[in-house]
Amino acid sequence: MEDVDVAVIGGGQSGLAAAHALLGQGLEPVVLEASGRAAGSWPRYYDSLTLFSPARYSSLPGMPFPGGDADRHPHRDEVAGYLTAYAARLDADIRTGSRVTEVLRGGRGFQVRLRDGTRLSARAVVAASGTFGRPHRPRLPGLGTFTGRVLHAAEYREPGPFAGRRIVVVGTGNSAVQIAAELAAAARVTLTGRTPVKFAPQRVLGRDLHFWLRHTGLDTAPLGRFVRTPPTQLVIDDGRYRAALAQGAPDRRGLFTGIEGRKVVWADGTTEEADVILLATGYRPDLPYLAGLDGALDRAGHPAHREGLSTAHAGLAFVGLEWQRSLSSNSLRGAGRDAARVARRLAVHLSRS
């Protein structure tokens, strides 16, 4: 069994930020990435996805986002390329094709088991596997009886295959609105959800919203300990999505009350056939490998932690959780700050053990 300092599970933005921070503390992380490329979930998102934050606010520590226009919003493939380049520059042991299946207590701290049978003994573990592998599929009235196609936004790529279809998009956050508006150019689309769509302007007083989040300190304020249930997500908009909803492309309705075969039942009692129900209902922490560590996860599979440090197991930490410490914790612009804090705490723990 191989002995390592710190096993970092996940080679996306959070795992790479963690590796950078751990190296800065004199530790030797081993990054275990399940896919064949250190770019996290970015290559698997829908084709048209762009960052909500401009390039100037979207870097990991030690490597600015490349390109001449720092105010542009990088495309999905740009972000994936940036992360791959970042990984190549790190003086870290990054192992792709290494899916972790279980973490248990043992050895010098933890025993990490991989799908191929490999076992590592790690003094500490950083769980940075993100959420893309665990799409949230809420219980919706009658959804299980729908005879059309049901898919999650994690499975959506581009509108071509849906041309001419009747589609119901469930959700009111950024991805829901963006996907619904994109589909509405090729299909008849309704955006539905339990809460109204709430917009935030992309620019305020001539500056991008993220300038103000940083300038006021709201982006980094340690509010995570007070946020038990994440607030309704604001849709960051330069005006195009508000205009699309105003024009009925897509149209907006409250959540359906039932389903009868292929028919969706609306709150006013009317019914209509739909071909596809697309769930843009977010994700949850993807941490099945921690199920064998008593107390590491709650009954819903969420980590028990305080600002990224496990409350049940010394030496276990997390990076990239939503509201882990602040508004920006699960973003490119915030992962580095949280990773640095976690790495410092782990270095102290390991120096005493």
Protein backbone atom coordinates (compact mmCIF):
# COMPACT_ATOMS: atom_id res chain seq x y z
CA MET A 1 0.00 0.00 0.00
CA GLU A 2 1.40 3.39 -1.01
CA ASP A 3 1.79 6.08 1.64
CA VAL A 4 0.93 9.68 0.70
CA ASP A 5 0.72 12.98 2.56
CA VAL A 6 -2.70 14.18 1.36
CA ALA A 7 -5.11 12.52 -1.05
CA VAL A 8 -7.09 15.13 -2.97
CA ILE A 9 -10.19 13.55 -4.49
CA GLY A 10 -11.14 15.38 -7.68
CA GLY A 11 -8.99 17.14 -10.27
CA GLY A 12 -11.31 19.99 -11.22
CA GLN A 13 -11.08 23.60 -10.10
CA SER A 14 -11.42 22.79 -6.41
CA GLY A 15 -8.99 19.89 -6.41
CA LEU A 16 -6.38 21.85 -8.34
CA ALA A 17 -6.78 24.83 -6.00
CA ALA A 18 -6.36 22.47 -3.06
CA ALA A 19 -3.21 20.94 -4.55
CA HIS A 20 -1.72 24.42 -5.11
CA ALA A 21 -2.45 25.44 -1.52
CA LEU A 22 -1.11 22.20 -0.03
CA LEU A 23 2.13 22.54 -1.99
CA GLY A 24 2.45 26.02 -0.52
CA GLN A 25 2.32 24.45 2.94
CA GLY A 26 5.15 22.07 2.13
CA LEU A 27 2.88 19.05 1.74
CA GLU A 28 2.87 16.59 -1.16
CA PRO A 29 -0.67 16.06 -2.44
CA VAL A 30 -1.74 13.26 -4.74
CA VAL A 31 -4.70 14.35 -6.88
CA LEU A 32 -7.06 11.52 -7.84
CA GLU A 33 -9.23 12.42 -10.84
CA ALA A 34 -11.82 9.93 -12.07
CA SER A 35 -11.90 11.14 -15.69
CA GLY A 36 -9.09 11.15 -18.21
CA ARG A 37 -8.41 14.88 -17.90
CA ALA A 38 -7.82 17.33 -15.06
CA ALA A 39 -10.63 19.71 -15.96
CA GLY A 40 -13.41 18.65 -13.63
CA SER A 41 -16.96 18.69 -14.96
CA TRP A 42 -16.41 21.58 -17.38
CA PRO A 43 -16.03 19.45 -20.56
CA ARG A 44 -19.42 17.84 -19.81
CA TYR A 45 -21.54 20.97 -19.42
CA TYR A 46 -23.84 22.16 -22.19
CA ASP A 47 -22.14 23.58 -25.28
CA SER A 48 -23.14 27.24 -24.93
CA LEU A 49 -22.27 27.63 -21.23
CA THR A 50 -20.19 30.66 -20.32
CA LEU A 51 -18.93 31.83 -16.95
CA PHE A 52 -21.14 34.23 -15.05
CA SER A 53 -18.04 36.14 -13.93
CA PRO A 54 -15.58 37.92 -16.27
CA ALA A 55 -12.13 36.45 -16.90
CA ARG A 56 -10.47 38.96 -14.56
CA TYR A 57 -12.39 37.47 -11.61
CA SER A 58 -12.20 33.83 -12.69
CA SER A 59 -8.66 32.65 -11.98
CA LEU A 60 -7.16 30.13 -9.63
CA PRO A 61 -4.17 31.21 -7.49
CA GLY A 62 -0.90 31.66 -9.37
CA MET A 63 -2.24 31.75 -12.94
CA PRO A 64 -4.39 34.55 -14.38
CA PHE A 65 -7.01 33.58 -16.91
CA PRO A 66 -5.35 34.02 -20.35
CA GLY A 67 -6.57 36.22 -23.19
CA GLY A 68 -6.50 39.91 -23.96
CA ASP A 69 -10.03 40.87 -22.92
CA ALA A 70 -10.25 40.51 -19.16
CA ASP A 71 -13.90 41.61 -19.19
CA ARG A 72 -15.12 38.81 -21.44
CA HIS A 73 -17.06 35.84 -20.08
CA PRO A 74 -15.06 32.70 -20.95
CA HIS A 75 -16.76 29.85 -22.78
CA ARG A 76 -17.00 26.33 -21.38
CA ASP A 77 -14.13 25.06 -23.52
CA GLU A 78 -11.92 27.98 -22.52
CA VAL A 79 -12.42 27.11 -18.87
CA ALA A 80 -11.66 23.43 -19.48
CA GLY A 81 -8.51 24.41 -21.37
CA TYR A 82 -7.47 26.79 -18.60
CA LEU A 83 -7.83 24.07 -15.96
CA THR A 84 -5.86 21.57 -18.03
CA ALA A 85 -3.06 24.13 -18.46
CA TYR A 86 -3.17 24.94 -14.75
CA ALA A 87 -2.79 21.26 -13.89
CA ALA A 88 0.18 20.95 -16.24
CA ARG A 89 1.94 23.83 -14.46
CA LEU A 90 1.42 22.42 -10.97
CA ASP A 91 4.31 20.50 -9.48
CA ALA A 92 1.88 17.92 -8.17
CA ASP A 93 1.20 14.22 -8.65
CA ILE A 94 -2.06 14.22 -10.64
CA ARG A 95 -3.45 10.80 -11.50
CA THR A 96 -6.25 10.69 -14.04
CA GLY A 97 -8.46 7.65 -14.50
CA SER A 98 -8.36 7.18 -10.72
CA ARG A 99 -11.90 6.90 -9.37
CA VAL A 100 -12.11 6.72 -5.57
CA THR A 101 -14.75 4.32 -4.32
CA GLU A 102 -14.20 4.38 -0.56
CA VAL A 103 -12.41 6.27 2.19
CA LEU A 104 -12.03 4.59 5.57
CA ARG A 105 -10.08 5.18 8.74
CA GLY A 106 -6.85 3.23 8.75
CA GLY A 107 -3.14 3.29 8.12
CA ARG A 108 -1.59 6.67 8.97
CA GLY A 109 -5.00 8.30 9.02
CA PHE A 110 -7.16 7.19 6.11
CA GLN A 111 -7.25 4.34 3.66
CA VAL A 112 -8.32 5.42 0.16
CA ARG A 113 -9.59 2.71 -2.18
CA LEU A 114 -9.81 3.11 -5.95
CA ARG A 115 -12.03 1.30 -8.42
CA ASP A 116 -9.05 -0.50 -9.97
CA GLY A 117 -8.19 -2.04 -6.62
CA THR A 118 -5.39 0.38 -5.71
CA ARG A 119 -5.17 1.39 -2.05
CA LEU A 120 -3.45 4.41 -0.60
CA SER A 121 -2.67 5.28 2.99
CA ALA A 122 -3.15 9.04 3.41
CA ARG A 123 -2.42 11.21 6.42
CA ALA A 124 -5.21 13.56 5.31
CA VAL A 125 -7.94 13.67 2.68
CA VAL A 126 -9.44 16.62 0.81
CA ALA A 127 -12.79 15.85 -0.84
CA ALA A 128 -13.03 18.10 -3.89
CA SER A 129 -15.18 16.04 -6.24
CA GLY A 130 -17.80 18.71 -6.85
CA THR A 131 -21.46 18.08 -7.59
CA PHE A 132 -21.87 17.26 -11.31
CA GLY A 133 -21.96 13.52 -10.63
CA ARG A 134 -25.04 13.92 -8.43
CA PRO A 135 -27.79 15.79 -10.30
CA HIS A 136 -30.68 16.77 -8.06
CA ARG A 137 -33.99 15.28 -9.20
CA PRO A 138 -36.68 16.66 -6.88
CA ARG A 139 -39.96 14.94 -6.20
CA LEU A 140 -42.46 16.66 -8.48
CA PRO A 141 -46.18 15.92 -8.76
CA GLY A 142 -46.71 13.01 -11.14
CA LEU A 143 -43.21 13.12 -12.63
CA GLY A 144 -42.71 9.40 -12.19
CA THR A 145 -45.73 8.69 -14.44
CA PHE A 146 -44.65 10.93 -17.32
CA THR A 147 -44.48 8.85 -20.52
CA GLY A 148 -42.38 11.35 -22.46
CA ARG A 149 -38.68 11.93 -21.93
CA VAL A 150 -37.30 13.21 -18.62
CA LEU A 151 -33.71 14.42 -18.47
CA HIS A 152 -31.55 16.57 -16.23
CA ALA A 153 -29.57 19.60 -17.35
CA ALA A 154 -26.45 17.47 -16.80
CA GLU A 155 -27.52 15.48 -19.89
CA TYR A 156 -28.31 18.49 -22.08
CA ARG A 157 -25.80 19.65 -24.69
CA GLU A 158 -27.43 21.74 -27.44
CA PRO A 159 -30.91 22.51 -28.85
CA GLY A 160 -30.66 20.68 -32.20
CA PRO A 161 -32.18 17.35 -31.11
CA PHE A 162 -35.18 19.15 -29.56
CA ALA A 163 -36.27 21.17 -32.59
CA GLY A 164 -40.06 21.39 -32.91
CA ARG A 165 -40.71 19.66 -29.58
CA ARG A 166 -42.88 20.78 -26.66
CA ILE A 167 -40.55 21.16 -23.70
CA VAL A 168 -41.10 22.00 -20.05
CA VAL A 169 -37.97 23.23 -18.24
CA VAL A 170 -38.16 22.98 -14.45
CA GLY A 171 -36.10 25.48 -12.46
CA THR A 172 -35.64 29.21 -11.96
CA GLY A 173 -31.87 29.61 -11.65
CA ASN A 174 -29.21 30.63 -14.13
CA SER A 175 -28.94 27.33 -15.98
CA ALA A 176 -32.72 26.88 -16.16
CA VAL A 177 -33.26 30.31 -17.70
CA GLN A 178 -30.32 30.03 -20.08
CA ILE A 179 -31.27 26.56 -21.35
CA ALA A 180 -34.95 27.47 -21.67
CA ALA A 181 -34.14 30.61 -23.67
CA GLU A 182 -31.76 28.70 -25.92
CA LEU A 183 -34.31 25.93 -26.56
CA ALA A 184 -37.06 28.47 -27.24
CA ALA A 185 -35.33 29.41 -30.50
CA ALA A 186 -35.98 25.88 -31.80
CA ALA A 187 -38.94 24.58 -29.79
CA ARG A 188 -42.00 25.62 -27.78
CA VAL A 189 -40.79 25.98 -24.22
CA THR A 190 -42.29 26.71 -20.81
CA LEU A 191 -40.13 27.59 -17.84
CA THR A 192 -41.74 26.44 -14.61
CA GLY A 193 -40.84 26.30 -10.93
CA ARG A 194 -42.03 26.79 -7.40
CA THR A 195 -40.41 30.21 -7.03
CA PRO A 196 -40.32 33.24 -9.33
CA VAL A 197 -37.30 34.06 -11.46
CA LYS A 198 -35.25 36.76 -9.75
CA PHE A 199 -32.82 38.76 -11.87
CA ALA A 200 -29.60 40.52 -10.93
CA PRO A 201 -28.15 42.98 -13.48
CA GLN A 202 -24.83 41.96 -15.03
CA ARG A 203 -23.63 45.56 -14.79
CA VAL A 204 -24.28 48.11 -12.05
CA LEU A 205 -23.22 51.75 -12.43
CA GLY A 206 -21.06 50.81 -15.38
CA ARG A 207 -19.24 48.01 -13.60
CA ASP A 208 -19.72 44.25 -13.72
CA LEU A 209 -21.65 42.87 -10.75
CA HIS A 210 -18.59 40.90 -9.64
CA PHE A 211 -16.61 44.12 -9.23
CA TRP A 212 -19.14 45.25 -6.64
CA LEU A 213 -19.23 41.86 -4.94
CA ARG A 214 -15.47 42.07 -4.45
CA HIS A 215 -15.37 45.81 -3.68
CA THR A 216 -18.00 45.52 -0.94
CA GLY A 217 -16.61 42.28 0.49
CA LEU A 218 -19.87 40.39 -0.08
CA ASP A 219 -18.08 37.81 -2.24
CA THR A 220 -15.72 36.77 0.54
CA ALA A 221 -17.71 37.44 3.72
CA PRO A 222 -17.74 34.31 5.95
CA LEU A 223 -21.49 33.84 5.83
CA GLY A 224 -21.48 30.11 5.16
CA ARG A 225 -21.90 29.17 8.80
CA PHE A 226 -25.20 31.09 8.85
CA VAL A 227 -26.59 29.79 5.54
CA ARG A 228 -28.37 26.54 6.26
CA THR A 229 -30.47 26.56 3.10
CA PRO A 230 -28.91 28.40 0.13
CA PRO A 231 -31.07 31.39 -0.84
CA THR A 232 -32.92 31.55 -4.13
CA GLN A 233 -30.39 31.82 -6.91
CA LEU A 234 -30.35 35.11 -8.77
CA VAL A 235 -30.20 34.98 -12.55
CA ILE A 236 -27.35 37.23 -13.67
CA ASP A 237 -28.61 38.97 -16.79
CA ASP A 238 -27.43 41.58 -19.26
CA GLY A 239 -31.05 42.08 -20.32
CA ARG A 240 -31.47 39.33 -22.86
CA TYR A 241 -33.14 36.77 -20.56
CA ARG A 242 -35.58 39.21 -19.02
CA ALA A 243 -36.52 40.26 -22.58
CA ALA A 244 -36.93 36.63 -23.67
CA LEU A 245 -39.36 35.91 -20.84
CA ALA A 246 -41.25 39.14 -21.55
CA GLN A 247 -41.67 37.99 -25.14
CA GLY A 248 -42.90 34.54 -24.10
CA ALA A 249 -39.89 32.68 -25.47
CA PRO A 250 -39.91 30.83 -23.14
CA ASP A 251 -43.20 31.49 -21.41
CA ARG A 252 -43.23 31.34 -17.62
CA ARG A 253 -45.72 29.45 -15.43
CA GLY A 254 -46.01 28.17 -11.89
CA LEU A 255 -45.11 24.55 -11.25
CA PHE A 256 -47.47 21.97 -12.76
CA THR A 257 -49.79 20.20 -10.32
CA GLY A 258 -49.81 16.79 -11.93
CA ILE A 259 -49.06 14.64 -14.96
CA GLU A 260 -51.35 12.31 -16.89
CA GLY A 261 -49.30 10.21 -19.28
CA ARG A 262 -47.77 12.77 -21.63
CA LYS A 263 -50.05 15.55 -20.43
CA VAL A 264 -48.93 18.19 -17.97
CA VAL A 265 -51.64 19.54 -15.65
CA TRP A 266 -51.25 23.25 -14.86
CA ALA A 267 -52.52 25.06 -11.78
CA ASP A 268 -55.53 26.48 -13.63
CA GLY A 269 -56.69 22.97 -14.53
CA THR A 270 -55.66 23.09 -18.18
CA THR A 271 -53.67 20.21 -19.66
CA GLU A 272 -51.36 19.93 -22.62
CA GLU A 273 -49.05 17.33 -24.08
CA ALA A 274 -45.31 17.66 -23.62
CA ASP A 275 -42.49 15.74 -25.25
CA VAL A 276 -39.74 16.51 -22.78
CA ILE A 277 -39.41 17.59 -19.15
CA LEU A 278 -35.93 18.96 -18.52
CA LEU A 279 -34.88 19.33 -14.88
CA ALA A 280 -32.55 22.28 -14.37
CA THR A 281 -32.78 21.74 -10.64
CA GLY A 282 -29.16 21.84 -9.60
CA TYR A 283 -26.82 19.36 -7.98
CA ARG A 284 -25.80 18.01 -4.61
CA PRO A 285 -22.34 17.17 -3.19
CA ASP A 286 -21.08 13.99 -4.87
CA LEU A 287 -19.41 12.19 -1.96
CA PRO A 288 -20.48 8.51 -2.00
CA TYR A 289 -16.95 7.40 -1.13
CA LEU A 290 -17.34 8.94 2.35
CA ALA A 291 -20.39 6.85 3.26
CA GLY A 292 -18.22 4.44 5.28
CA LEU A 293 -16.84 7.20 7.53
CA ASP A 294 -19.29 7.48 10.42
CA GLY A 295 -20.54 11.04 10.82
CA ALA A 296 -18.76 12.42 7.75
CA LEU A 297 -22.10 12.83 5.94
CA ASP A 298 -25.60 13.49 7.19
CA ARG A 299 -28.63 11.45 6.17
CA ALA A 300 -29.04 13.48 2.99
CA GLY A 301 -25.45 12.85 1.97
CA HIS A 302 -24.28 16.37 2.81
CA PRO A 303 -20.92 16.77 4.54
CA ALA A 304 -20.79 17.64 8.23
CA HIS A 305 -18.23 20.43 8.29
CA ARG A 306 -17.33 23.88 9.55
CA GLU A 307 -15.84 26.10 6.87
CA GLY A 308 -14.52 23.04 5.02
CA LEU A 309 -13.14 21.06 7.95
CA SER A 310 -14.95 17.89 8.92
CA THR A 311 -16.60 18.07 12.33
CA ALA A 312 -16.38 14.29 12.67
CA HIS A 313 -12.90 13.37 11.42
CA ALA A 314 -9.68 15.28 11.99
CA GLY A 315 -7.66 15.33 8.79
CA LEU A 316 -10.70 15.26 6.50
CA ALA A 317 -11.50 18.47 4.63
CA PHE A 318 -13.64 19.74 1.77
CA VAL A 319 -13.14 22.32 -0.98
CA GLY A 320 -15.73 23.56 -3.46
CA LEU A 321 -18.93 23.15 -1.46
CA GLU A 322 -21.71 25.65 -2.07
CA TRP A 323 -21.57 28.25 0.71
CA GLN A 324 -18.66 26.35 2.28
CA ARG A 325 -17.52 29.67 3.71
CA SER A 326 -18.79 32.40 1.40
CA LEU A 327 -20.92 33.25 -1.61
CA SER A 328 -18.03 32.40 -3.97
CA SER A 329 -16.94 29.13 -2.36
CA ASN A 330 -17.96 26.82 -5.20
CA SER A 331 -16.68 29.05 -7.99
CA LEU A 332 -13.38 29.58 -9.79
CA ARG A 333 -13.00 32.94 -8.11
CA GLY A 334 -13.50 31.55 -4.61
CA ALA A 335 -12.06 28.03 -4.60
CA GLY A 336 -8.50 29.26 -4.06
CA ARG A 337 -9.36 31.22 -0.93
CA ASP A 338 -11.12 28.31 0.68
CA ALA A 339 -8.37 25.90 -0.38
CA ALA A 340 -5.69 28.10 1.22
CA ARG A 341 -7.60 28.21 4.49
CA VAL A 342 -8.14 24.44 4.53
CA ALA A 343 -4.50 23.73 3.62
CA ARG A 344 -3.24 25.85 6.52
CA ARG A 345 -5.46 24.00 8.96
CA LEU A 346 -4.41 20.59 7.61
CA ALA A 347 -0.73 21.53 7.82
CA VAL A 348 -1.17 22.39 11.50
CA HIS A 349 -3.05 19.13 12.13
CA LEU A 350 -0.40 17.02 10.39
CA SER A 351 2.44 18.76 12.22
CA ARG A 352 0.89 17.62 15.50
CA SER A 353 0.08 14.07 14.47
